[in-house]
Protein backbone atom coordinates (compact mmCIF):
# COMPACT_ATOMS: atom_id res chain seq x y z
CA UNK A 1 -16.57 -25.41 54.89
CA UNK A 2 -14.67 -22.15 54.55
CA UNK A 3 -16.70 -19.01 54.95
CA UNK A 4 -17.63 -17.25 51.70
CA UNK A 5 -15.35 -14.42 50.69
CA UNK A 6 -16.50 -10.90 51.50
CA UNK A 7 -18.03 -9.18 48.49
CA UNK A 8 -16.97 -5.70 47.54
CA UNK A 9 -19.64 -3.08 48.14
CA UNK A 10 -19.18 -1.18 44.87
CA UNK A 11 -21.82 -0.28 42.33
CA UNK A 12 -22.00 -2.84 39.54
CA UNK A 13 -21.96 -0.82 36.33
CA UNK A 14 -20.79 -2.24 32.99
CA UNK A 15 -17.71 -0.77 31.27
CA UNK A 16 -19.12 0.35 27.90
CA UNK A 17 -17.47 2.42 25.17
CA UNK A 18 -20.40 4.83 24.92
CA UNK A 19 -19.43 6.15 28.37
CA UNK A 20 -16.46 7.87 26.70
CA UNK A 21 -18.47 9.84 24.15
CA UNK A 22 -21.20 10.63 26.72
CA UNK A 23 -18.49 11.97 29.03
CA UNK A 24 -16.95 13.99 26.20
CA UNK A 25 -20.27 15.53 25.15
CA UNK A 26 -21.17 16.48 28.71
CA UNK A 27 -17.83 17.69 30.04
CA UNK A 28 -15.89 19.02 27.05
CA UNK A 29 -18.61 19.22 24.44
CA UNK A 30 -17.07 22.23 22.66
CA UNK A 31 -13.77 20.48 21.89
CA UNK A 32 -13.25 20.08 18.15
CA UNK A 33 -13.13 17.08 15.89
CA UNK A 34 -11.49 17.92 12.57
CA UNK A 35 -11.67 15.44 9.72
CA UNK A 36 -10.62 15.51 6.11
CA UNK A 37 -13.47 14.53 3.83
CA UNK A 38 -12.94 12.03 1.01
CA UNK A 39 -13.22 14.97 -1.40
CA UNK A 40 -10.34 16.77 0.39
CA UNK A 41 -12.01 19.57 2.34
CA UNK A 42 -12.09 19.68 6.14
CA UNK A 43 -15.14 19.07 8.32
CA UNK A 44 -15.29 20.59 11.81
CA UNK A 45 -17.71 19.90 14.62
CA UNK A 46 -17.71 19.23 18.35
CA UNK A 47 -18.00 16.22 20.62
CA UNK A 48 -21.48 17.43 21.63
CA UNK A 49 -22.60 17.51 18.00
CA UNK A 50 -20.92 14.19 17.28
CA UNK A 51 -22.73 12.39 20.08
CA UNK A 52 -26.09 13.64 18.87
CA UNK A 53 -25.35 12.22 15.42
CA UNK A 54 -24.15 8.94 16.94
CA UNK A 55 -27.44 8.65 18.82
CA UNK A 56 -29.35 9.21 15.57
CA UNK A 57 -27.32 6.42 13.98
CA UNK A 58 -28.05 4.12 16.92
CA UNK A 59 -31.79 4.78 16.68
CA UNK A 60 -31.72 4.31 12.90
CA UNK A 61 -30.11 0.89 13.30
CA UNK A 62 -32.64 -0.11 15.96
CA UNK A 63 -35.47 1.01 13.67
CA UNK A 64 -34.07 -1.33 11.01
CA UNK A 65 -34.24 -4.26 13.39
CA UNK A 66 -30.54 -4.54 14.13
CA UNK A 67 -30.38 -6.93 17.08
CA UNK A 68 -27.64 -7.35 19.72
CA UNK A 69 -24.65 -9.19 18.29
CA UNK A 70 -25.39 -8.27 14.66
CA UNK A 71 -22.18 -7.62 12.71
CA UNK A 72 -22.18 -4.31 10.81
CA UNK A 73 -19.31 -3.85 8.38
CA UNK A 74 -17.43 -0.67 7.50
CA UNK A 75 -15.12 -0.32 4.52
CA UNK A 76 -13.99 3.25 4.94
CA UNK A 77 -11.15 5.68 5.66
CA UNK A 78 -10.51 7.97 8.65
CA UNK A 79 -13.42 10.42 8.35
CA UNK A 80 -15.84 11.90 10.89
CA UNK A 81 -18.67 9.68 9.68
CA UNK A 82 -16.56 6.56 10.15
CA UNK A 83 -15.69 7.82 13.65
CA UNK A 84 -19.41 7.99 14.44
CA UNK A 85 -19.79 4.28 13.67
CA UNK A 86 -17.38 3.45 16.51
CA UNK A 87 -20.05 4.49 18.99
CA UNK A 88 -23.36 4.30 17.13
CA UNK A 89 -22.93 0.62 16.23
CA UNK A 90 -21.48 -0.97 19.43
CA UNK A 91 -23.59 1.48 21.45
CA UNK A 92 -26.68 -0.68 20.79
CA UNK A 93 -24.77 -3.96 21.36
CA UNK A 94 -24.29 -4.53 17.63
CA UNK A 95 -20.72 -5.23 16.48
CA UNK A 96 -18.69 -2.93 14.22
CA UNK A 97 -16.59 -4.96 11.78
CA UNK A 98 -13.92 -2.62 10.36
CA UNK A 99 -12.73 -3.95 7.00
CA UNK A 100 -9.42 -3.11 5.36
CA UNK A 101 -10.03 -1.82 1.80
CA UNK A 102 -6.41 -2.61 0.88
CA UNK A 103 -7.04 -6.36 1.05
CA UNK A 104 -7.37 -8.47 -2.07
CA UNK A 105 -10.87 -9.08 -3.41
CA UNK A 106 -10.86 -12.75 -2.40
CA UNK A 107 -9.88 -11.81 1.14
CA UNK A 108 -12.65 -9.20 1.33
CA UNK A 109 -15.24 -11.71 0.20
CA UNK A 110 -13.97 -14.22 2.73
CA UNK A 111 -14.03 -11.95 5.76
CA UNK A 112 -17.41 -10.31 4.98
CA UNK A 113 -18.97 -13.75 4.60
CA UNK A 114 -17.11 -15.14 7.59
CA UNK A 115 -18.34 -12.30 9.79
CA UNK A 116 -21.81 -12.43 8.17
CA UNK A 117 -22.17 -8.67 8.01
CA UNK A 118 -25.80 -7.56 7.80
CA UNK A 119 -25.05 -4.01 6.59
CA UNK A 120 -22.03 -2.34 5.02
CA UNK A 121 -20.98 1.28 5.47
CA UNK A 122 -18.70 2.48 2.66
CA UNK A 123 -17.44 5.79 1.29
CA UNK A 124 -17.13 7.18 -2.22
CA UNK A 125 -13.69 5.57 -2.69
CA UNK A 126 -14.60 2.13 -1.38
CA UNK A 127 -18.03 1.78 -3.01
CA UNK A 128 -16.48 0.55 -6.31
CA UNK A 129 -14.73 -2.21 -4.35
CA UNK A 130 -18.08 -3.47 -3.07
CA UNK A 131 -19.72 -3.08 -6.48
CA UNK A 132 -17.18 -5.55 -7.88
CA UNK A 133 -18.06 -8.26 -5.36
CA UNK A 134 -21.65 -7.45 -4.33
CA UNK A 135 -23.08 -10.67 -5.80
CA UNK A 136 -20.68 -12.75 -3.64
CA UNK A 137 -21.62 -11.36 -0.20
CA UNK A 138 -25.17 -12.69 0.35
CA UNK A 139 -25.56 -11.70 4.01
CA UNK A 140 -25.28 -7.98 3.21
CA UNK A 141 -28.80 -6.56 2.97
CA UNK A 142 -28.11 -2.82 2.84
CA UNK A 143 -25.22 -0.59 1.86
CA UNK A 144 -24.87 2.88 3.39
CA UNK A 145 -22.61 5.44 1.72
CA UNK A 146 -20.84 7.74 4.19
CA UNK A 147 -21.56 10.93 2.26
CA UNK A 148 -23.80 13.96 2.06
CA UNK A 149 -26.71 13.76 -0.45
CA UNK A 150 -25.04 16.16 -2.87
CA UNK A 151 -21.90 14.01 -2.90
CA UNK A 152 -23.53 10.63 -3.34
CA UNK A 153 -21.68 8.67 -6.04
CA UNK A 154 -23.61 7.00 -8.84
CA UNK A 155 -24.02 3.25 -8.40
CA UNK A 156 -25.77 0.33 -10.04
CA UNK A 157 -26.36 -1.39 -6.72
CA UNK A 158 -29.84 -1.62 -5.18
CA UNK A 159 -30.44 -1.05 -1.46
CA UNK A 160 -27.97 1.84 -1.28
CA UNK A 161 -28.71 4.52 1.30
CA UNK A 162 -27.14 7.91 1.94
CA UNK A 163 -25.73 8.13 5.46
CA UNK A 164 -27.03 11.65 6.06
CA UNK A 165 -30.50 10.61 4.90
CA UNK A 166 -30.35 7.69 7.32
CA UNK A 167 -29.51 10.02 10.19
CA UNK A 168 -32.12 12.60 9.19
CA UNK A 169 -34.84 9.98 9.67
CA UNK A 170 -34.04 10.05 13.39
CA UNK A 171 -33.54 13.80 13.84
CA UNK A 172 -35.05 15.21 17.04
CA UNK A 173 -34.82 18.46 18.92
CA UNK A 174 -31.51 18.94 20.72
CA UNK A 175 -33.23 18.49 24.06
CA UNK A 176 -34.82 15.22 22.94
CA UNK A 177 -31.54 13.92 21.51
CA UNK A 178 -29.63 14.80 24.67
CA UNK A 179 -32.29 13.06 26.76
CA UNK A 180 -31.98 9.78 24.84
CA UNK A 181 -29.85 7.47 26.99
CA UNK A 182 -27.40 4.91 25.66
CA UNK A 183 -28.54 1.38 26.63
CA UNK A 184 -26.65 -0.69 29.19
CA UNK A 185 -25.73 -4.35 28.66
CA UNK A 186 -23.03 -6.90 29.46
CA UNK A 187 -19.56 -5.36 29.19
CA UNK A 188 -18.25 -8.64 27.80
CA UNK A 189 -20.36 -8.15 24.68
CA UNK A 190 -18.43 -7.84 21.43
CA UNK A 191 -17.75 -4.24 20.38
CA UNK A 192 -15.64 -4.42 17.21
CA UNK A 193 -14.12 -7.04 14.93
CA UNK A 194 -10.79 -6.59 13.18
CA UNK A 195 -9.32 -9.24 10.90
CA UNK A 196 -5.60 -9.88 10.68
CA UNK A 197 -3.95 -8.94 7.41
CA UNK A 198 -3.74 -12.57 6.30
CA UNK A 199 -0.15 -12.72 5.05
CA UNK A 200 -0.39 -16.52 5.33
CA UNK A 201 -3.73 -18.28 4.85
CA UNK A 202 -7.09 -16.60 5.34
CA UNK A 203 -7.35 -13.54 7.59
CA UNK A 204 -8.49 -14.32 11.13
CA UNK A 205 -11.10 -12.35 13.03
CA UNK A 206 -10.18 -10.78 16.37
CA UNK A 207 -13.27 -9.87 18.40
CA UNK A 208 -12.83 -7.08 20.95
CA UNK A 209 -15.20 -6.69 23.88
CA UNK A 210 -16.39 -3.43 25.45
CA UNK A 211 -14.57 -4.39 28.64
CA UNK A 212 -11.26 -5.09 26.87
CA UNK A 213 -11.38 -1.91 24.77
CA UNK A 214 -12.35 0.14 27.86
CA UNK A 215 -9.36 -1.18 29.81
CA UNK A 216 -7.06 -0.59 26.84
CA UNK A 217 -8.29 3.00 26.65
CA UNK A 218 -7.60 3.65 30.32
CA UNK A 219 -4.07 2.33 29.82
CA UNK A 220 -3.49 4.28 26.60
CA UNK A 221 -4.58 7.53 28.23
CA UNK A 222 -2.17 7.10 31.15
CA UNK A 223 1.42 8.30 31.41
CA UNK A 224 2.42 4.73 30.56
CA UNK A 225 1.79 5.69 26.92
CA UNK A 226 1.72 9.46 26.68
CA UNK A 227 4.20 10.88 29.20
CA UNK A 228 4.86 14.60 29.35
CA UNK A 229 1.30 15.88 29.51
CA UNK A 230 1.01 19.29 31.23
CA UNK A 231 -2.00 20.07 33.40
CA UNK A 232 -4.55 22.07 31.44
CA UNK A 233 -2.86 21.53 28.09
CA UNK A 234 -5.17 20.67 25.21
CA UNK A 235 -3.73 17.65 23.48
CA UNK A 236 -4.46 17.27 19.78
CA UNK A 237 -4.43 13.63 18.67
CA UNK A 238 -4.22 12.43 15.09
CA UNK A 239 -4.11 8.71 14.34
CA UNK A 240 -2.15 8.02 11.17
CA UNK A 241 -3.10 4.38 11.75
CA UNK A 242 -6.29 3.68 9.77
CA UNK A 243 -9.48 2.97 11.71
CA UNK A 244 -9.55 -0.56 10.31
CA UNK A 245 -6.11 -1.18 11.85
CA UNK A 246 -6.70 -2.14 15.50
CA UNK A 247 -9.38 0.54 16.06
CA UNK A 248 -6.87 3.21 14.97
CA UNK A 249 -4.90 2.13 18.04
CA UNK A 250 -7.88 3.14 20.19
CA UNK A 251 -7.46 6.87 19.53
CA UNK A 252 -11.20 7.20 18.70
CA UNK A 253 -11.76 6.19 22.33
CA UNK A 254 -8.73 7.83 23.98
CA UNK A 255 -9.41 11.31 22.59
CA UNK A 256 -12.99 11.63 23.91
CA UNK A 257 -11.98 10.06 27.22
CA UNK A 258 -9.09 12.52 27.72
CA UNK A 259 -10.79 15.61 26.31
CA UNK A 260 -8.32 15.85 23.44
CA UNK A 261 -9.05 17.43 20.09
CA UNK A 262 -9.27 14.68 17.47
CA UNK A 263 -7.92 15.08 13.94
CA UNK A 264 -8.72 12.47 11.27
CA UNK A 265 -6.68 12.47 8.04
CA UNK A 266 -9.31 10.95 5.73
CA UNK A 267 -7.87 8.97 2.83
CA UNK A 268 -5.05 11.18 1.54
CA UNK A 269 -1.78 10.13 3.18
CA UNK A 270 0.46 12.12 0.85
CA UNK A 271 3.16 13.77 3.01
CA UNK A 272 2.11 17.33 2.18
CA UNK A 273 -1.50 16.57 3.17
CA UNK A 274 -0.48 14.96 6.46
CA UNK A 275 1.89 17.83 7.17
CA UNK A 276 -0.86 20.37 6.61
CA UNK A 277 -2.90 18.78 9.38
CA UNK A 278 0.09 18.49 11.73
CA UNK A 279 0.90 22.16 11.23
CA UNK A 280 -2.46 23.92 10.93
CA UNK A 281 -4.34 21.85 13.53
CA UNK A 282 -1.36 21.94 15.94
CA UNK A 283 -1.25 18.17 16.46
CA UNK A 284 0.66 17.21 19.63
CA UNK A 285 0.34 13.41 19.62
CA UNK A 286 0.13 10.99 16.73
CA UNK A 287 0.42 7.26 16.12
CA UNK A 288 1.40 5.15 13.13
CA UNK A 289 3.83 2.61 11.74
CA UNK A 290 7.41 3.71 10.86
CA UNK A 291 6.79 3.70 7.09
CA UNK A 292 4.65 6.84 7.47
CA UNK A 293 7.53 8.65 9.14
CA UNK A 294 10.19 7.52 6.67
CA UNK A 295 8.22 9.08 3.83
CA UNK A 296 7.08 12.17 5.76
CA UNK A 297 10.57 12.95 7.12
CA UNK A 298 12.13 12.63 3.69
CA UNK A 299 9.54 15.13 2.37
CA UNK A 300 10.08 17.53 5.30
CA UNK A 301 13.86 17.47 4.89
CA UNK A 302 13.60 18.24 1.18
CA UNK A 303 11.12 21.06 1.82
CA UNK A 304 12.69 22.57 4.94
CA UNK A 305 9.66 21.93 7.18
CA UNK A 306 9.52 21.62 10.97
CA UNK A 307 7.02 20.27 13.52
CA UNK A 308 6.70 22.99 16.16
CA UNK A 309 3.63 21.53 17.87
CA UNK A 310 4.14 17.76 17.77
CA UNK A 311 5.77 16.37 20.92
CA UNK A 312 5.19 12.63 20.68
CA UNK A 313 4.50 9.86 18.21
CA UNK A 314 3.60 6.32 19.20
CA UNK A 315 4.85 3.53 16.96
CA UNK A 316 4.28 -0.19 16.71
CA UNK A 317 4.16 -2.99 14.18
CA UNK A 318 7.64 -2.69 12.68
CA UNK A 319 10.92 -1.83 14.38
CA UNK A 320 12.05 1.71 13.46
CA UNK A 321 15.55 2.56 12.27
CA UNK A 322 17.67 4.20 14.97
CA UNK A 323 18.51 7.09 12.65
CA UNK A 324 14.84 7.97 12.38
CA UNK A 325 14.39 8.15 16.18
CA UNK A 326 17.55 10.28 16.44
CA UNK A 327 16.45 12.69 13.71
CA UNK A 328 12.95 13.12 15.11
CA UNK A 329 14.32 13.80 18.58
CA UNK A 330 17.32 15.95 17.72
CA UNK A 331 16.05 17.90 14.70
CA UNK A 332 12.30 18.05 15.31
CA UNK A 333 11.92 17.74 19.10
CA UNK A 334 9.58 14.77 18.76
CA UNK A 335 9.77 11.92 21.27
CA UNK A 336 9.43 8.72 19.25
CA UNK A 337 7.87 6.15 21.59
CA UNK A 338 7.49 2.52 20.73
CA UNK A 339 5.27 -0.21 22.15
CA UNK A 340 4.58 -3.75 21.07
CA UNK A 341 1.11 -4.74 20.00
CA UNK A 342 -0.78 -6.62 17.32
CA UNK A 343 -4.38 -7.03 16.25
CA UNK A 344 -4.74 -9.80 18.82
CA UNK A 345 -2.96 -7.83 21.57
CA UNK A 346 -3.51 -4.08 21.41
CA UNK A 347 -1.57 -2.31 24.17
CA UNK A 348 0.58 -5.41 24.63
CA UNK A 349 3.42 -3.43 26.19
CA UNK A 350 4.00 0.10 27.49
CA UNK A 351 5.74 2.94 25.66
CA UNK A 352 6.95 4.50 28.92
CA UNK A 353 10.60 4.58 29.91
CA UNK A 354 11.82 2.77 32.99
CA UNK A 355 11.47 5.09 36.02
CA UNK A 356 14.81 6.59 37.04
CA UNK A 357 16.24 6.82 33.53
CA UNK A 358 15.26 10.45 32.90
CA UNK A 359 18.86 11.68 33.32
CA UNK A 360 20.30 9.44 30.62
CA UNK A 361 22.17 11.02 27.71
CA UNK A 362 20.35 11.57 24.42
CA UNK A 363 22.13 8.58 22.84
CA UNK A 364 21.20 6.31 25.75
CA UNK A 365 17.58 7.48 25.60
CA UNK A 366 17.49 6.61 21.92
CA UNK A 367 18.86 3.16 22.74
CA UNK A 368 16.00 2.72 25.21
CA UNK A 369 13.52 3.72 22.51
CA UNK A 370 14.81 0.97 20.24
CA UNK A 371 13.15 -1.69 22.40
CA UNK A 372 9.56 -2.70 21.68
CA UNK A 373 8.16 -1.25 24.86
CA UNK A 374 8.18 -2.42 28.44
CA UNK A 375 6.02 -4.78 30.49
CA UNK A 376 2.75 -3.19 31.55
CA UNK A 377 0.48 -4.12 34.45
CA UNK A 378 -2.30 -6.38 33.19
CA UNK A 379 -0.32 -8.20 30.49
CA UNK A 380 1.99 -11.11 31.27
CA UNK A 381 4.67 -11.95 28.72
CA UNK A 382 7.39 -14.54 28.33
CA UNK A 383 9.64 -16.09 25.69
CA UNK A 384 9.85 -19.84 25.17
CA UNK A 385 12.09 -22.18 23.19
CA UNK A 386 10.91 -24.49 20.40
CA UNK A 387 9.77 -27.04 23.01
CA UNK A 388 7.72 -24.46 24.91
CA UNK A 389 10.13 -24.13 27.84
CA UNK A 390 10.24 -20.66 29.40
CA UNK A 391 13.55 -18.88 28.80
CA UNK A 392 15.22 -16.51 31.27
CA UNK A 393 14.50 -12.76 31.22
CA UNK A 394 18.17 -11.94 30.73
CA UNK A 395 18.05 -9.69 27.67
CA UNK A 396 19.91 -12.30 25.63
CA UNK A 397 17.79 -15.45 25.31
CA UNK A 398 15.82 -15.33 22.06
CA UNK A 399 12.55 -17.20 21.99
CA UNK A 400 8.95 -17.26 20.82
CA UNK A 401 6.93 -14.47 22.43
CA UNK A 402 3.82 -15.49 24.38
CA UNK A 403 1.41 -13.10 26.16
CA UNK A 404 -1.84 -13.24 28.10
CA UNK A 405 -4.09 -10.71 29.80
CA UNK A 406 -7.65 -9.39 30.09
CA UNK A 407 -7.47 -7.53 26.75
CA UNK A 408 -5.60 -10.23 24.79
CA UNK A 409 -7.42 -12.40 22.22
CA UNK A 410 -8.40 -15.84 23.49
CA UNK A 411 -9.43 -17.30 20.11
CA UNK A 412 -10.29 -16.28 16.56
CA UNK A 413 -13.80 -15.69 15.27
CA UNK A 414 -15.55 -19.02 14.61
CA UNK A 415 -12.27 -20.97 14.77
CA UNK A 416 -12.79 -22.16 18.34
CA UNK A 417 -10.64 -22.61 21.46
CA UNK A 418 -6.95 -23.16 20.76
CA UNK A 419 -7.04 -21.28 17.45
CA UNK A 420 -4.97 -18.41 18.87
CA UNK A 421 -3.34 -19.81 22.02
CA UNK A 422 -1.05 -22.60 23.16
CA UNK A 423 -2.06 -25.43 25.48
CA UNK A 424 -1.56 -23.21 28.55
CA UNK A 425 -3.74 -20.39 27.23
CA UNK A 426 -0.96 -17.98 26.15
CA UNK A 427 -1.39 -16.10 22.86
CA UNK A 428 0.95 -17.37 20.12
CA UNK A 429 2.22 -14.07 18.71
CA UNK A 430 4.49 -15.32 15.93
CA UNK A 431 7.21 -12.94 17.13
CA UNK A 432 10.74 -13.79 18.22
CA UNK A 433 11.94 -11.67 21.13
CA UNK A 434 14.09 -11.21 24.20
CA UNK A 435 12.99 -9.81 27.57
CA UNK A 436 15.42 -8.23 30.02
CA UNK A 437 15.23 -8.25 33.84
CA UNK A 438 13.45 -4.87 33.85
CA UNK A 439 10.70 -6.01 31.48
CA UNK A 440 12.04 -4.38 28.32
CA UNK A 441 10.82 -6.31 25.29
CA UNK A 442 12.91 -6.39 22.11
CA UNK A 443 11.59 -8.10 19.00
CA UNK A 444 14.29 -9.81 16.99
CA UNK A 445 12.09 -10.97 14.12
CA UNK A 446 8.86 -12.54 13.06
CA UNK A 447 9.31 -16.28 13.45
CA UNK A 448 8.75 -16.74 9.72
CA UNK A 449 11.26 -14.00 8.81
CA UNK A 450 14.25 -15.01 10.92
CA UNK A 451 17.27 -16.12 8.86
CA UNK A 452 19.02 -19.30 9.93
CA UNK A 453 22.55 -19.41 8.55
CA UNK A 454 24.86 -22.27 9.43
CA UNK A 455 22.78 -23.10 12.50
CA UNK A 456 22.84 -19.51 13.82
CA UNK A 457 20.10 -16.89 13.70
CA UNK A 458 20.47 -13.57 11.86
CA UNK A 459 17.95 -10.87 12.74
CA UNK A 460 16.48 -9.30 9.61
CA UNK A 461 15.08 -6.51 11.80
CA UNK A 462 18.51 -5.48 13.11
CA UNK A 463 20.04 -5.58 9.64
CA UNK A 464 17.22 -3.43 8.24
CA UNK A 465 17.51 -0.89 11.04
CA UNK A 466 21.27 -0.63 10.56
CA UNK A 467 20.96 -0.24 6.80
CA UNK A 468 18.36 2.50 7.19
CA UNK A 469 20.92 4.49 9.14
CA UNK A 470 22.68 5.30 5.85
CA UNK A 471 21.71 8.82 4.75
CA UNK A 472 20.90 7.65 1.21
CA UNK A 473 18.46 4.93 2.29
CA UNK A 474 14.70 5.54 2.43
CA UNK A 475 13.62 1.96 3.13
CA UNK A 476 15.34 -1.39 3.59
CA UNK A 477 14.15 -4.98 3.74
CA UNK A 478 16.07 -8.19 4.40
CA UNK A 479 14.89 -11.65 3.39
CA UNK A 480 16.41 -15.10 3.48
CA UNK A 481 17.62 -16.70 0.25
CA UNK A 482 18.70 -20.30 -0.13
CA UNK A 483 22.39 -21.12 0.12
CA UNK A 484 24.01 -24.47 -0.81
CA UNK A 485 26.37 -24.43 2.18
CA UNK A 486 24.85 -22.22 4.90
CA UNK A 487 21.19 -23.08 4.31
CA UNK A 488 20.07 -19.45 4.27
CA UNK A 489 21.79 -16.12 3.73
CA UNK A 490 20.49 -12.52 3.87
CA UNK A 491 19.57 -10.53 0.77
CA UNK A 492 19.30 -6.76 1.36
CA UNK A 493 16.79 -4.77 -0.69
CA UNK A 494 17.16 -0.98 -0.71
CA UNK A 495 14.95 1.92 -1.79
CA UNK A 496 17.16 5.00 -2.19
CA UNK A 497 15.98 8.46 -1.19
CA UNK A 498 14.98 10.73 -4.04
CA UNK A 499 18.11 11.91 -5.86
CA UNK A 500 20.49 9.87 -3.69
CA UNK A 501 23.32 7.69 -5.03
CA UNK A 502 24.49 4.48 -3.39
CA UNK A 503 26.24 1.35 -4.63
CA UNK A 504 26.04 -2.18 -3.28
CA UNK A 505 29.67 -2.11 -2.13
CA UNK A 506 29.16 1.22 -0.37
CA UNK A 507 26.24 -0.33 1.49
CA UNK A 508 28.28 -3.36 2.55
CA UNK A 509 31.13 -1.10 3.66
CA UNK A 510 28.67 0.94 5.74
CA UNK A 511 27.45 -2.21 7.51
CA UNK A 512 30.88 -3.79 7.96
CA UNK A 513 31.73 -2.26 11.34
CA UNK A 514 28.17 -2.26 12.66
CA UNK A 515 27.15 -5.94 12.52
CA UNK A 516 28.88 -9.29 12.84
CA UNK A 517 30.87 -10.17 9.73
CA UNK A 518 28.85 -13.32 9.09
CA UNK A 519 25.66 -11.21 9.17
CA UNK A 520 26.74 -9.14 6.15
CA UNK A 521 24.32 -9.64 3.22
CA UNK A 522 25.44 -11.82 0.38
CA UNK A 523 23.96 -9.32 -2.06
CA UNK A 524 22.31 -5.90 -2.22
CA UNK A 525 19.56 -5.11 -4.71
CA UNK A 526 18.14 -1.63 -5.36
CA UNK A 527 14.41 -1.34 -6.05
CA UNK A 528 12.04 1.55 -6.75
CA UNK A 529 9.62 0.49 -4.02
CA UNK A 530 8.85 -2.32 -1.60
CA UNK A 531 5.56 -4.23 -1.53
CA UNK A 532 3.57 -3.26 1.56
CA UNK A 533 0.95 -5.12 3.55
CA UNK A 534 -2.48 -3.65 4.18
CA UNK A 535 -1.23 -2.35 7.54
CA UNK A 536 1.85 -0.51 6.26
CA UNK A 537 4.50 -3.17 6.78
CA UNK A 538 6.85 -4.63 4.17
CA UNK A 539 5.20 -7.69 2.62
CA UNK A 540 8.05 -10.16 2.89
CA UNK A 541 6.02 -13.07 1.56
CA UNK A 542 5.85 -11.25 -1.79
CA UNK A 543 9.59 -10.55 -1.67
CA UNK A 544 10.43 -14.17 -0.90
CA UNK A 545 8.35 -15.29 -3.87
CA UNK A 546 9.89 -12.63 -6.11
CA UNK A 547 13.47 -13.60 -5.23
CA UNK A 548 12.96 -17.34 -4.99
CA UNK A 549 15.93 -19.09 -6.56
CA UNK A 550 18.10 -15.97 -6.34
CA UNK A 551 21.66 -16.97 -7.22
CA UNK A 552 24.17 -16.68 -4.35
CA UNK A 553 27.90 -17.14 -4.22
CA UNK A 554 28.96 -20.61 -2.95
C-alpha cells in the first residue's frame, strides 16, 4: 500500500466572516462607516462601535433561542443597521436571508416560506410590504424594525420589536463587550442566502458558506479587482448594489477586511442623493450595474458636476455601452472595470487587465474593458455547444457558459443535486459567451435573449451597446419579434435623454456602419421608460409579452 501523504503542519482555524469585523475593530477601529438613514439624514460611527453593536445583536439572538442553521430574513435597504446583520446573524452560525423588497408579493411569500425564516428584520419602508402578507408567512415568529424608538412606525402587527430596544437588552460595559468572543464553528456552515430574481419560474435560493464568502473577499480585495491602490491611501467604498443583491457584491466584507471607509446609500438612489455621497464622503471605489451610471451621468452632464475623488467603479450584470466607459474615463477620470458574476457565482471572473497591456492607447483600453472580465485563479470556465461539447477558446466560438470553483453554487436551496449544474458538475449559467486564448470572457447574450434570424445569431447585447453610443440615447433594449420569413428579427426600444430629439430613421442610420446590415432592427420604438428587474436590469420577459405579435415587414 502506498504510504499516506504528508499532512501540512498548519494551524486548523475555520475561515469565518466575523474575523473581518474583529480585525477591523482591533486594527482600524476609528475608521468611519457612513450610512444614510431611511429618513434621509446621515449616521456616522466607527468599526469599533459597529462590532460592539453586532455582538449585542448576536447575544440577543442567542437569548431568543436562535440555533445554528436558523434562517433569519432581512427585507431592508443599505443602512448601518442592515450592515450589522451581516455579522451579527452569521456570527452565531445562524443564516442571514437577504430578501429583495422589489419582488412581487407572491414571490416574497414563496421565498420567505421556502427559506422558513424564523425572524424578519425590516425597515420603515419595507414594513408595509410585510404587513400586507403577514398572515401568509407562518414560520415568521418575530419582526424587528431597523429603527430607533423615536422613529418606530405605527403597525397593526403583533410581535414587532424595535431594533435598538433589542440591542439595549444586551448592553454591557465596553470592556465586557470587547471581551466577548465570536464563536468558532465549521467554515462550511451557511452564512447568507440570496434568491435569484426569478424572471422565469420561482426564485431559487443560493446558499453561501463562510468559506466561500471569505475566499471571495480575499479575491475582491486584491489587485485582481481593485488595481491602482496606493500604499497608505484610505479607500472609501460605496456599494450602489443593494445588500440583497449578492451581499452588495461583498463590499460589507471587503471594506472591513481592507480598512476602507464604508459608505451606505440607504434607500434613496436619486442621482443628486448618490452624488452628494460621492462628493462629500470622497468615495474612491464603487460598484453597481450600468443602469445606475446611465442615470447618474446624464444628471451630472446636465448639472455640470465632476467626480474628483472617484477612481474606479466595478460593474457586472449587464454589458455597459462603450460610450459610457469612454465618457467616465475621458471626462471624469474614472476607470470603469467589469467582471462577470451572478448570484450563483459571485467573483466569477476578474476585473483586472491582462498584464503587459498598460501601455495600450485609451481606445484600446476601452476595448479591453468591454469584455466581461478575465479568468481568475480558483474559477474554471468554458463554453459548450448545444450538445455539451467544449468549444475552443479562440475568441470567436459562441457557446453556453459553464463555470465551477470553490465559491460557485453547487445546487439551489431544497431543490437537490443537479438543480444548478450539468451532469459533470459545472454551473449552468444561462449566459452565451466566447472565451479568448488569454482568458478574456465576453458575454454575447442570455441564452433566452439571443435572437436567431435565418439560422444565424444576432447579439441583443451588442446592438444595445451600439445604440447607446448615440448622444441622444439614455437606455436601449433589443428583443426578438416573430418574423414570417426569418423566424425572429430585432426590435429596438429607446429611451431618449431628457430634452433630446431622435427619429427611428436617424437611429437606423447611426447603426448602419457599425453592425452587420442583417443585424439592423426591423423597427425602432421610443418609450418613456423600460421595465427593470429587481436587480437593476432590463426585464426583457415583460417586453416580450408587451410586444408579442408586433407587426413586422415581410
